[in-house]
Protein backbone atom coordinates (compact mmCIF):
# COMPACT_ATOMS: atom_id res chain seq x y z
CA MET A 1 80.56 93.07 88.04
CA THR A 2 82.83 94.48 90.74
CA ARG A 3 85.88 92.46 91.73
CA TYR A 4 88.16 92.99 94.70
CA THR A 5 91.75 91.89 95.15
CA SER A 6 94.63 92.12 92.67
CA LYS A 7 97.57 91.85 94.99
CA TYR A 8 95.93 90.38 98.09
CA ALA A 9 95.45 86.68 98.74
CA LEU A 10 93.46 84.90 101.40
CA VAL A 11 95.44 83.28 104.18
CA ALA A 12 94.72 81.73 107.53
CA PRO A 13 94.16 84.25 110.32
CA GLN A 14 96.79 85.00 112.89
CA ASP A 15 95.29 84.56 116.31
CA GLU A 16 98.19 86.04 118.26
CA GLY A 17 98.09 89.59 119.54
CA THR A 18 100.92 91.76 120.78
CA ASP A 19 104.08 89.82 121.67
CA TRP A 20 104.82 91.61 124.93
CA ARG A 21 107.66 89.28 125.93
CA SER A 22 109.81 90.02 122.89
CA ILE A 23 108.92 93.71 123.15
CA MET A 24 110.09 93.79 126.76
CA ILE A 25 113.36 92.02 125.89
CA SER A 26 114.07 94.39 123.01
CA ASN A 27 113.32 97.35 125.30
CA ILE A 28 115.67 96.03 127.98
CA VAL A 29 118.35 95.90 125.30
CA ALA A 30 117.35 99.42 124.25
CA PHE A 31 117.66 100.56 127.88
CA LEU A 32 121.17 99.16 128.13
CA GLY A 33 122.08 100.87 124.85
CA SER A 34 120.65 104.14 126.13
CA VAL A 35 122.71 103.89 129.32
CA GLN A 36 125.91 103.51 127.33
CA MET A 37 125.10 106.28 124.85
CA SER A 38 124.01 108.81 127.47
CA SER A 39 127.17 108.25 129.47
CA ILE A 40 129.55 108.17 126.49
CA THR A 41 128.29 111.23 124.57
CA PRO A 42 129.24 113.88 127.20
CA THR A 43 132.78 112.49 127.53
CA VAL A 44 134.00 112.28 123.92
CA TRP A 45 134.71 115.97 123.35
CA PRO A 46 136.30 116.57 126.81
CA TYR A 47 138.41 113.42 126.39
CA MET A 48 139.63 114.59 122.99
CA LYS A 49 140.66 117.89 124.55
CA LYS A 50 142.32 116.06 127.45
CA ILE A 51 144.36 113.82 125.15
CA ASP A 52 145.26 116.71 122.83
CA VAL A 53 144.39 120.29 123.79
CA THR A 54 144.91 121.41 120.18
CA THR A 55 141.94 119.29 119.05
CA THR A 56 139.56 121.45 117.00
CA GLU A 57 135.79 121.58 116.79
CA THR A 58 136.12 120.75 113.09
CA LEU A 59 137.86 117.45 113.86
CA TYR A 60 135.17 116.66 116.42
CA GLY A 61 132.50 117.35 113.81
CA PHE A 62 134.28 115.10 111.29
CA ILE A 63 134.46 112.24 113.78
CA ARG A 64 130.78 112.67 114.70
CA GLY A 65 130.03 112.47 110.97
CA LEU A 66 131.68 109.05 110.79
CA TYR A 67 129.29 107.84 113.48
CA ALA A 68 126.46 108.84 111.17
CA VAL A 69 128.05 107.06 108.16
CA GLY A 70 128.02 103.78 110.03
CA ASN A 71 124.51 104.42 111.28
CA VAL A 72 123.04 105.30 107.87
CA VAL A 73 124.65 102.51 105.85
CA PHE A 74 124.04 99.71 108.30
CA SER A 75 120.55 100.72 109.39
CA MET A 76 119.42 100.25 105.77
CA LEU A 77 121.41 97.06 105.29
CA SER A 78 120.19 95.52 108.53
CA GLY A 79 116.60 96.50 107.75
CA TYR A 80 116.80 94.94 104.28
CA ALA A 81 118.53 91.78 105.55
CA SER A 82 116.04 91.40 108.41
CA ASN A 83 113.20 91.65 105.90
CA LYS A 84 114.77 88.96 103.74
CA ILE A 85 115.15 86.47 106.57
CA ALA A 86 112.03 87.73 108.41
CA ASP A 87 113.99 87.89 111.67
CA THR A 88 115.52 90.82 113.57
CA ARG A 89 117.57 88.86 116.12
CA PRO A 90 120.71 88.20 113.98
CA ALA A 91 121.14 91.91 113.27
CA MET A 92 120.81 92.84 116.94
CA LEU A 93 123.37 90.19 117.92
CA ILE A 94 125.85 91.52 115.36
CA GLY A 95 125.26 95.11 116.50
CA LYS A 96 126.02 94.34 120.14
CA THR A 97 129.20 92.48 119.17
CA ILE A 98 130.42 95.45 117.13
CA CYS A 99 129.81 97.73 120.12
CA ILE A 100 132.25 95.68 122.18
CA PHE A 101 135.00 96.16 119.56
CA GLY A 102 134.27 99.90 119.54
CA ALA A 103 134.71 100.05 123.31
CA LEU A 104 138.11 98.37 122.99
CA ALA A 105 139.23 100.93 120.42
CA TYR A 106 138.29 103.75 122.82
CA LEU A 107 140.08 102.11 125.75
CA PHE A 108 143.36 101.90 123.84
CA ILE A 109 143.40 105.60 122.84
CA GLU A 110 145.67 106.50 125.77
CA VAL A 111 147.94 103.52 125.07
CA PHE A 112 148.52 104.34 121.39
CA HIS A 113 148.68 108.11 121.75
CA PRO A 114 150.40 108.76 118.36
CA ILE A 115 147.36 107.31 116.57
CA HIS A 116 144.74 108.59 118.99
CA VAL A 117 142.83 110.35 116.19
CA LEU A 118 142.55 107.09 114.21
CA LEU A 119 141.27 105.31 117.30
CA PHE A 120 138.68 108.02 117.91
CA ILE A 121 137.60 107.59 114.29
CA ALA A 122 137.41 103.80 114.65
CA PHE A 123 135.42 104.15 117.87
CA GLU A 124 132.82 106.54 116.42
CA PHE A 125 132.42 104.52 113.21
CA LEU A 126 132.00 101.24 115.09
CA LEU A 127 129.59 102.85 117.55
CA GLY A 128 127.54 104.26 114.67
CA THR A 129 127.58 100.90 112.90
CA SER A 130 126.39 99.18 116.06
CA SER A 131 123.59 101.71 116.48
CA GLY A 132 122.52 101.33 112.85
CA VAL A 133 122.49 97.54 112.93
CA CYS A 134 120.57 97.46 116.22
CA SER A 135 117.99 99.97 114.94
CA VAL A 136 115.92 97.02 113.69
CA TYR A 137 114.56 96.69 117.22
CA ARG A 138 112.13 99.50 116.30
CA THR A 139 110.98 97.44 113.34
CA HIS A 140 110.43 94.51 115.67
CA ILE A 141 108.37 96.58 118.11
CA ALA A 142 106.23 97.92 115.26
CA MET A 143 105.56 94.41 113.94
CA ALA A 144 105.28 92.67 117.31
CA SER A 145 102.44 94.98 118.42
CA THR A 146 98.92 95.45 117.15
CA GLU A 147 97.91 98.91 116.01
CA ALA A 148 95.85 99.40 119.17
CA ASP A 149 98.80 98.46 121.42
CA ARG A 150 101.46 100.31 119.46
CA PRO A 151 101.38 103.63 121.40
CA LYS A 152 101.85 101.68 124.63
CA ALA A 153 104.62 99.57 123.06
CA PHE A 154 106.54 102.61 121.88
CA GLY A 155 105.77 104.31 125.19
CA ILE A 156 107.64 101.47 126.89
CA THR A 157 110.46 101.98 124.38
CA GLN A 158 110.64 105.66 125.24
CA LEU A 159 110.55 104.79 128.95
CA ALA A 160 113.46 102.40 128.49
CA THR A 161 115.42 105.01 126.53
CA ALA A 162 114.62 107.78 129.01
CA ALA A 163 115.53 105.60 131.98
CA GLY A 164 118.86 105.00 130.31
CA PHE A 165 119.34 108.74 129.92
CA VAL A 166 118.87 109.09 133.68
CA VAL A 167 120.95 106.12 134.80
CA GLY A 168 123.82 106.85 132.39
CA PRO A 169 124.52 110.42 133.60
CA LEU A 170 124.09 109.37 137.24
CA LEU A 171 126.74 106.72 136.73
CA GLN A 172 128.91 109.30 134.98
CA VAL A 173 128.65 111.63 138.00
CA ILE A 174 129.89 108.72 140.12
CA PHE A 175 132.66 107.98 137.62
CA ALA A 176 133.72 111.65 137.79
CA GLN A 177 135.02 111.01 141.31
CA ILE A 178 137.65 108.64 139.92
CA GLY A 179 139.61 111.37 138.17
CA PHE A 180 142.37 111.00 135.59
CA PRO A 181 144.31 108.80 134.80
CA GLY A 182 142.32 106.59 137.20
CA TRP A 183 142.66 102.91 138.03
CA PRO A 184 144.82 100.61 135.87
CA LEU A 185 143.02 97.88 133.93
CA PHE A 186 144.98 95.83 131.38
CA LEU A 187 147.69 96.43 128.76
CA GLY A 188 148.17 100.04 129.87
CA THR A 189 144.51 101.03 129.84
CA HIS A 190 142.79 102.82 132.73
CA PHE A 191 139.34 103.06 134.26
CA ASN A 192 138.61 106.77 134.76
CA VAL A 193 136.03 109.50 134.23
CA TYR A 194 136.48 109.30 130.44
CA THR A 195 136.82 105.55 129.86
CA ALA A 196 134.33 104.27 132.45
CA PRO A 197 131.34 104.75 130.07
CA VAL A 198 132.87 102.54 127.37
CA VAL A 199 133.72 99.84 129.90
CA LEU A 200 130.07 100.05 130.93
CA SER A 201 129.00 99.82 127.28
CA ALA A 202 131.03 96.63 126.81
CA VAL A 203 129.44 95.07 129.91
CA THR A 204 125.89 96.06 128.91
CA SER A 205 126.50 94.75 125.38
CA ILE A 206 127.45 91.36 126.82
CA VAL A 207 124.28 91.37 128.93
CA GLY A 208 122.30 92.29 125.82
CA LEU A 209 123.83 89.39 123.89
CA ILE A 210 122.79 86.94 126.60
CA LEU A 211 119.20 88.23 126.62
CA LEU A 212 118.95 88.13 122.83
CA VAL A 213 120.36 84.61 122.54
CA PHE A 214 118.24 82.95 125.21
CA TYR A 215 115.02 84.96 125.57
CA PHE A 216 114.30 86.94 122.39
CA ASP A 217 112.11 85.92 119.45
CA GLY A 218 112.86 88.26 116.57
CA ARG A 219 110.73 86.59 113.89
CA MET A 220 108.58 89.02 111.90
CA ARG A 221 104.83 88.49 111.95
CA ILE A 222 102.31 90.69 110.18
CA ARG A 223 99.54 91.76 112.54
CA ASP A 224 96.41 93.84 112.02
CA THR A 225 95.85 92.34 108.56
CA PRO A 226 92.48 93.40 107.19
CA LYS A 227 89.61 90.92 107.21
CA ALA A 228 88.19 89.44 104.04
CA LEU A 229 86.58 92.03 101.84
CA LEU A 230 83.44 89.92 101.41
CA HIS A 231 80.66 90.56 103.83
CA PRO A 232 79.63 87.17 105.29
CA GLU A 233 76.19 87.55 103.72
CA GLU A 234 77.55 88.11 100.22
CA GLY A 235 78.17 85.43 97.63
CA SER A 236 81.42 84.52 95.92
CA SER A 237 82.73 82.53 93.00
CA LEU A 238 85.70 81.26 95.02
CA GLY A 239 86.17 77.69 96.12
CA GLY A 240 86.38 76.49 99.70
CA VAL A 241 84.84 78.25 102.67
CA ILE A 242 85.17 81.93 103.52
CA ASP A 243 84.85 82.59 107.25
CA GLU A 244 84.50 85.93 108.96
CA ASP A 245 87.98 85.63 110.47
CA ILE A 246 89.88 85.12 107.19
CA PHE A 247 92.61 87.69 106.72
CA ILE A 248 94.18 89.17 103.63
CA GLN A 249 97.89 89.57 103.00
CA PRO A 250 99.90 90.81 100.00
CA SER A 251 100.43 88.12 97.38
CA PRO A 252 102.81 88.57 94.44
CA GLN A 253 101.02 85.77 92.56
CA ALA A 254 97.61 87.44 92.72
CA SER A 255 96.18 88.32 89.32
CA ILE A 256 94.36 91.44 88.30
CA SER A 257 91.15 90.94 86.38
CA GLY A 258 87.93 92.76 85.62
CA SER A 259 86.86 95.95 87.31
CA GLN A 260 88.53 95.80 90.68
CA LYS A 261 88.92 97.81 93.84
CA GLU A 262 92.17 97.31 95.69
CA LEU A 263 92.92 97.94 99.29
CA PRO A 264 94.79 101.25 99.58
CA SER A 265 98.54 101.00 99.03
CA ILE A 266 101.15 103.02 100.93
CA ASP A 267 100.53 106.78 100.79
CA TRP A 268 103.97 107.96 99.73
CA ILE A 269 103.15 111.62 100.28
CA ALA A 270 102.42 110.86 103.93
CA VAL A 271 105.66 108.89 104.14
CA VAL A 272 107.67 111.80 102.70
CA VAL A 273 106.04 114.28 105.09
CA LEU A 274 106.94 112.11 108.08
CA ILE A 275 110.49 111.73 106.78
CA LEU A 276 110.74 115.54 106.59
CA VAL A 277 109.64 115.78 110.23
CA LYS A 278 112.24 113.13 111.05
CA ILE A 279 114.95 115.18 109.31
CA ALA A 280 113.93 118.34 111.20
CA SER A 281 114.13 116.53 114.54
CA GLU A 282 117.52 115.05 113.64
CA VAL A 283 118.84 118.51 112.70
CA VAL A 284 117.79 119.80 116.12
CA VAL A 285 119.55 116.93 117.90
CA LEU A 286 122.58 117.27 115.61
CA ASN A 287 122.94 120.91 116.59
CA LEU A 288 122.55 120.17 120.29
CA ILE A 289 124.94 117.20 120.38
CA THR A 290 127.63 118.59 118.06
CA ILE A 291 127.63 122.27 118.97
CA CYS A 292 126.25 122.59 122.49
CA PRO A 293 129.19 120.91 124.33
CA PRO A 294 131.94 123.12 122.83
CA TYR A 295 129.62 126.15 122.77
CA ALA A 296 128.66 125.82 126.45
CA MET A 297 132.27 125.04 127.36
CA THR A 298 133.34 128.24 125.60
CA ALA A 299 130.53 130.58 126.64
CA TYR A 300 130.29 129.56 130.30
CA GLN A 301 134.01 128.94 130.93
CA TRP A 302 133.83 125.25 131.83
CA THR A 303 136.81 122.94 132.09
CA SER A 304 136.70 119.43 130.63
CA GLU A 305 135.73 117.97 134.00
CA ASP A 306 133.07 120.67 134.53
CA THR A 307 131.60 119.88 131.12
CA VAL A 308 131.31 116.16 131.89
CA VAL A 309 129.55 116.73 135.21
CA ILE A 310 127.20 119.52 134.06
CA GLN A 311 126.30 117.84 130.77
CA SER A 312 125.60 114.62 132.68
CA ALA A 313 123.31 116.49 135.06
CA ILE A 314 121.47 118.09 132.14
CA MET A 315 121.02 114.75 130.38
CA GLY A 316 119.81 113.22 133.62
CA SER A 317 117.18 115.96 134.00
CA ILE A 318 116.08 115.41 130.41
CA GLY A 319 115.80 111.71 131.14
CA VAL A 320 113.53 112.33 134.14
CA LEU A 321 111.09 114.33 131.99
CA CYS A 322 111.23 111.65 129.31
CA ILE A 323 110.38 109.02 131.92
CA VAL A 324 107.39 111.00 133.18
CA LEU A 325 106.04 111.40 129.66
CA ALA A 326 106.67 107.75 128.78
CA LEU A 327 104.85 106.62 131.95
CA GLY A 328 101.93 108.75 130.82
CA TYR A 329 101.78 106.83 127.55
CA ILE A 330 101.97 103.49 129.36
CA PHE A 331 99.61 104.00 132.30
CA LEU A 332 97.51 107.10 131.49
CA LYS A 333 97.00 106.06 127.87
CA LEU A 334 98.18 109.40 126.48
CA GLY A 335 98.32 107.72 123.09
CA LYS A 336 94.52 107.72 123.07
CA ARG A 337 94.18 111.19 124.60
CA ILE A 338 96.71 112.97 122.37
CA ALA A 339 96.57 112.28 118.64
CA GLU A 340 99.93 111.46 117.03
CA ARG A 341 99.67 114.35 114.59
CA SER A 342 98.93 116.90 117.33
CA ALA A 343 101.85 115.60 119.40
CA LEU A 344 104.22 116.03 116.44
CA VAL A 345 103.09 119.63 115.95
CA ALA A 346 103.66 120.32 119.66
CA ALA A 347 107.16 118.82 119.52
CA LEU A 348 108.16 120.89 116.50
CA LEU A 349 106.87 124.02 118.26
CA LEU A 350 108.98 123.19 121.32
CA PHE A 351 112.12 122.78 119.19
CA LEU A 352 111.37 126.06 117.46
CA ALA A 353 110.79 127.83 120.78
CA PHE A 354 114.10 126.57 122.20
CA HIS A 355 116.12 128.04 119.36
CA LEU A 356 114.23 131.33 119.48
CA ILE A 357 114.71 131.64 123.25
CA THR A 358 118.41 130.72 123.24
CA TYR A 359 119.30 132.75 120.15
CA PRO A 360 122.02 135.29 121.10
CA TRP A 361 119.82 138.35 120.79
CA GLY A 362 121.48 141.76 121.13
CA PHE A 363 119.72 142.70 124.39
CA TRP A 364 121.86 140.30 126.48
CA PRO A 365 124.30 142.54 128.44
CA SER A 366 127.51 140.46 128.48
CA ARG A 367 129.70 139.00 125.76
CA ILE A 368 131.64 135.72 125.60
CA ASP A 369 135.04 135.97 127.31
CA TYR A 370 138.28 134.90 125.67
CA GLN A 371 140.70 132.28 126.96
CA HIS A 372 142.30 132.81 130.35
CA VAL A 373 143.50 130.80 133.32
CA LYS A 374 140.57 129.52 135.35
CA GLY A 375 139.90 131.76 138.35
CA THR A 376 141.64 134.83 136.88
CA THR A 377 140.15 137.93 135.26
CA PRO A 378 139.38 137.31 131.57
CA PRO A 379 140.97 139.56 128.91
CA SER A 380 139.01 142.71 128.11
CA GLY A 381 138.82 142.02 124.38
CA LEU A 382 140.37 140.31 121.38
CA ALA A 383 143.53 142.43 121.48
CA ALA A 384 144.16 141.57 125.12
CA ALA A 385 143.44 137.89 124.41
CA ARG A 386 146.24 137.87 121.85
CA ASP A 387 148.78 139.33 124.29
CA PRO A 388 152.07 137.37 123.96
CA ALA A 389 152.34 136.78 127.71
CA LEU A 390 148.87 135.22 127.88
CA GLN A 391 149.52 133.17 124.76
CA ALA A 392 152.71 131.82 126.38
CA ILE A 393 150.70 130.65 129.40
CA ILE A 394 148.15 129.02 127.10
CA ALA A 395 150.97 127.28 125.21
CA GLU A 396 152.39 126.03 128.52
CA SER A 397 148.99 124.49 129.37
CA LEU A 398 149.31 122.30 126.27
CA LEU A 399 152.40 120.55 127.61
CA PRO A 400 152.00 117.00 128.98
CA ASN A 401 151.12 116.84 132.69
CA SER A 402 150.44 120.56 132.85
CA THR A 403 148.15 121.58 135.72
CA ILE A 404 147.14 124.93 134.18
CA GLU A 405 143.44 125.00 133.31
CA ILE A 406 142.45 127.30 130.46
CA VAL A 407 138.81 128.29 129.97
CA GLY A 408 136.98 130.63 127.61
CA CYS A 409 136.88 131.33 123.89
CA ASN A 410 139.76 130.67 121.53
CA SER A 411 141.33 133.95 120.36
CA ASN A 412 140.97 132.74 116.76
CA PHE A 413 137.18 133.13 117.08
CA GLU A 414 136.63 136.82 116.40
CA TRP A 415 132.88 136.41 116.78
CA CYS A 416 133.17 135.87 120.54
CA GLU A 417 133.86 139.58 121.05
CA VAL A 418 130.49 140.54 119.53
CA THR A 419 128.36 137.53 120.46
CA PRO A 420 126.02 138.05 123.43
CA LYS A 421 126.17 135.40 126.15
CA VAL A 422 122.74 133.90 126.84
CA ASN A 423 121.89 133.50 130.51
CA ILE A 424 123.19 130.10 131.60
CA TYR A 425 120.09 129.20 133.63
CA LEU A 426 117.71 130.13 130.81
CA PHE A 427 119.80 128.21 128.28
CA ASN A 428 119.94 125.03 130.34
CA ALA A 429 116.28 125.21 131.41
CA ALA A 430 115.13 125.67 127.81
CA LEU A 431 117.37 122.80 126.71
CA ILE A 432 115.97 120.45 129.37
CA ILE A 433 112.34 121.29 128.53
CA ALA A 434 112.79 121.13 124.75
CA LEU A 435 114.53 117.75 124.81
CA GLY A 436 112.81 116.38 127.90
CA VAL A 437 109.32 116.98 126.48
CA GLY A 438 109.75 117.56 122.75
CA TRP A 439 112.10 114.65 122.07
CA PRO A 440 109.98 111.87 123.62
CA LEU A 441 106.85 113.34 122.02
CA ILE A 442 108.39 113.20 118.57
CA GLN A 443 110.10 109.84 119.14
CA ILE A 444 106.99 108.00 120.32
CA ASN A 445 104.47 109.52 117.95
CA LEU A 446 106.67 109.63 114.85
CA ASP A 447 107.49 105.94 115.20
CA VAL A 448 103.85 105.04 115.89
CA LEU A 449 102.39 107.12 113.07
CA TYR A 450 105.02 106.03 110.53
CA SER A 451 104.38 102.35 111.28
CA LYS A 452 100.62 102.92 111.01
CA VAL A 453 100.99 104.75 107.68
CA LEU A 454 102.96 101.80 106.26
CA GLY A 455 100.20 99.37 107.24
CA PRO A 456 100.27 95.54 107.42
CA ILE A 457 103.52 94.81 105.59
CA LYS A 458 106.98 93.60 106.58
CA GLN A 459 108.43 96.96 107.58
CA GLY A 460 112.12 96.12 107.90
CA THR A 461 113.33 97.84 104.72
CA LEU A 462 111.19 100.98 105.01
CA GLN A 463 111.92 101.29 108.73
CA GLY A 464 115.63 101.02 107.88
CA VAL A 465 115.24 103.76 105.29
CA PHE A 466 113.40 105.89 107.85
CA VAL A 467 116.27 105.59 110.33
CA ALA A 468 118.88 106.12 107.59
CA VAL A 469 117.26 109.26 106.14
CA GLY A 470 117.15 110.77 109.59
CA GLN A 471 120.85 110.07 109.98
CA VAL A 472 122.05 111.15 106.52
CA LEU A 473 122.47 114.72 107.73
CA ASN A 474 124.77 113.46 110.45
CA ILE A 475 127.35 112.35 107.87
CA ALA A 476 128.44 115.78 106.68
CA GLY A 477 126.27 117.70 109.12
CA PRO A 478 128.63 117.68 112.12
CA LEU A 479 131.56 118.84 109.98
CA PHE A 480 129.39 121.48 108.28
CA PHE A 481 127.90 122.70 111.55
CA SER A 482 131.30 122.75 113.27
CA LYS A 483 132.79 124.78 110.43
CA LEU A 484 129.96 127.29 110.56
CA TYR A 485 130.34 127.49 114.33
CA THR A 486 134.08 128.09 114.03
CA LEU A 487 133.61 130.86 111.46
CA TYR A 488 130.45 132.61 112.61
CA GLY A 489 129.49 131.33 116.05
CA PRO A 490 126.01 130.19 117.10
CA ARG A 491 123.95 132.85 115.31
CA VAL A 492 124.06 131.34 111.81
CA LEU A 493 123.47 127.81 113.10
CA TRP A 494 120.48 128.81 115.19
CA ALA A 495 118.99 130.66 112.20
CA ILE A 496 119.38 127.55 109.98
CA VAL A 497 117.68 125.29 112.53
CA ILE A 498 114.85 127.80 113.04
CA ALA A 499 114.25 127.87 109.26
CA ILE A 500 114.22 124.06 109.01
CA CYS A 501 111.76 123.73 111.90
CA LEU A 502 109.47 126.30 110.27
CA ILE A 503 109.57 124.47 106.92
CA ALA A 504 108.81 121.08 108.51
CA LEU A 505 106.00 122.55 110.59
CA THR A 506 104.44 124.28 107.58
CA VAL A 507 104.57 121.19 105.34
CA PHE A 508 103.13 119.00 108.09
CA VAL A 509 100.24 121.38 108.70
CA VAL A 510 99.51 121.64 104.96
CA PHE A 511 99.31 117.83 104.61
CA PHE A 512 97.83 117.31 108.07
CA LYS A 513 94.72 115.51 106.80
CA ARG A 514 96.80 113.30 104.51
CA VAL A 515 99.05 111.85 107.22
CA ILE A 516 96.71 109.20 108.64
CA PRO A 517 97.08 105.48 109.44
CA TRP A 518 96.61 102.86 106.72
CA SER A 519 93.55 101.47 108.50
CA GLN A 520 91.80 104.85 108.39
CA ARG A 521 92.52 105.25 104.68
CA LYS A 522 91.19 101.72 104.11
CA ASP A 523 88.00 102.52 106.00
CA VAL A 524 87.50 105.80 104.13
CA GLN A 525 88.03 104.12 100.76
CA ALA A 526 85.75 101.22 101.68
CA ALA A 527 83.03 103.61 102.83
CA GLU A 528 83.26 105.66 99.65
CA SER A 529 83.25 102.62 97.34
CA GLY A 530 80.52 100.90 99.36
CA SER A 531 78.27 103.96 99.25
CA ALA A 532 78.61 104.20 95.49
CA HIS A 533 78.08 100.45 94.98
CA LEU A 534 74.97 100.22 97.17
CA LYS A 535 73.13 102.47 94.74
CA THR A 536 73.44 99.79 92.03
CA LEU A 537 72.64 96.71 94.14
CA PRO A 538 69.20 95.00 93.89
CA MET A 539 67.22 94.40 97.05
CA PRO A 540 68.10 91.00 98.60
CA THR A 541 65.37 88.35 98.29
CA ALA A 542 66.74 85.98 100.92
CA THR A 543 69.22 85.85 103.74
CA ALA A 544 72.55 84.43 102.63
CA PRO A 545 74.20 81.71 104.72
CA LYS A 546 76.85 82.61 107.26
CA ARG A 547 79.46 80.55 105.37
CA THR A 548 79.91 80.59 101.61
CA GLN A 549 80.98 77.48 99.71
CA VAL A 550 83.44 78.03 96.86
CA GLY A 551 85.55 75.94 94.48
CA ASN A 552 89.23 76.54 93.65
CA VAL A 553 90.69 79.49 95.52
CA SER A 554 91.62 82.38 93.24
CA THR A 555 92.41 85.99 94.08
CA SER A 556 89.20 87.54 92.70
CA LEU A 557 86.20 88.03 95.01
CA HIS A 558 82.88 88.53 93.16
CA ARG A 559 79.84 90.25 94.41
């Protein structure tokens, strides 16, 4: 006799579908978070150089790594804690509160100049902690939506994030008109081009807290639970009444007996493959966020103010493309037209293409110029860059209140003399396309497919692990990448990222047929087991009733 169950118990059905209200609230909070992040990120490096011109790329990489430490540790902790209490709202409230303290640390950097490095460290760690704690909103969206609605739900999430990436840089362009030191605030702090984004982040965090307290329901509910394994025309030895709409959920008390066929458990190979894709995408973003600002500032001779404005414009352009793609998922139902797996392959190919196109190939005619006063002729080579007279001018620019603006490559970087300078328009265009199209593709479809692979379980812990694994590289990665950049320039870094993208793409293609939603694996297994079982069944002699009476409920279903 064939028995189904083991770890699944019958429970009352859940008649509620997608909770669009809570999804919209969480996405409004995500939008506000995106606004603050997209406006803060382009200002950190220029502000560090403004406060202390001797600030190195290595220190910047170390501080960026601390952001990742907070993100990794607290994304796992918040996911686990949210699972335990079956509610995501407390974690999101805590995360927004931490963000406010991080903003205060950033504001007081100019006030406590002797400890400005410690305040930068505190700011990045608190910001990373806030981001990690608030990452449970993705868990909530996955569990608040049915599998059919999930592409649309995550499309709205991507739209909210992309809109923030447009609004944030636009605000930053406006803030750039304020200048430095800007308008006085309180206790010696100022509102200027560098601090305006963190003031904005504090305000948006307060708005987020209000929305979460009064309008958000973060309770976890398992949706898309599979229906009872018994066909309504089949008999059973169970007590009570089995209706067609009875659902099955995991039950730790369920016993295993007889010859049984369980519903498919999590496919861990598929999970690992998706985590590898996540790591590859995070490496790409790590390279672009950590290295691109100082690299572009060096290669294209931008000042700190130039970097803020141009980087903001680039991020705004990326945000526009992200919005267009997200709108396609919401209104054109791209989630049904483009399979998640195909979209992930396309995104990885875009990331790969960007690094191949922007690699400093030898056919580019010009090389990166060394440091010089903005508007003057750059030195002809490394020897001229180390001329004592020029070095004296550079040293003078480091003095407080100096008006001398130095641009170009540090004379300590010998690789600048032999590194080709990629065309600025090609570099920026490729960057906008790769991130504007590739990033939303991989964000939407990776989240959707990962949640589908996990199936009808409380996903808080595994979603937290998913976020954390993607961020682990950001702990030592920024410091490692910055050190490689300082020693060898962009060539080695680009080669590493190209290799990682190729590995992720190859593994994903090899296991392409394995990475499918839980519901599809359930259907395949049911079809295979049903086909084999039908061969042994006798022909029915009468039509069974629509409802089957049973005695005491157990966890074994008999045919």
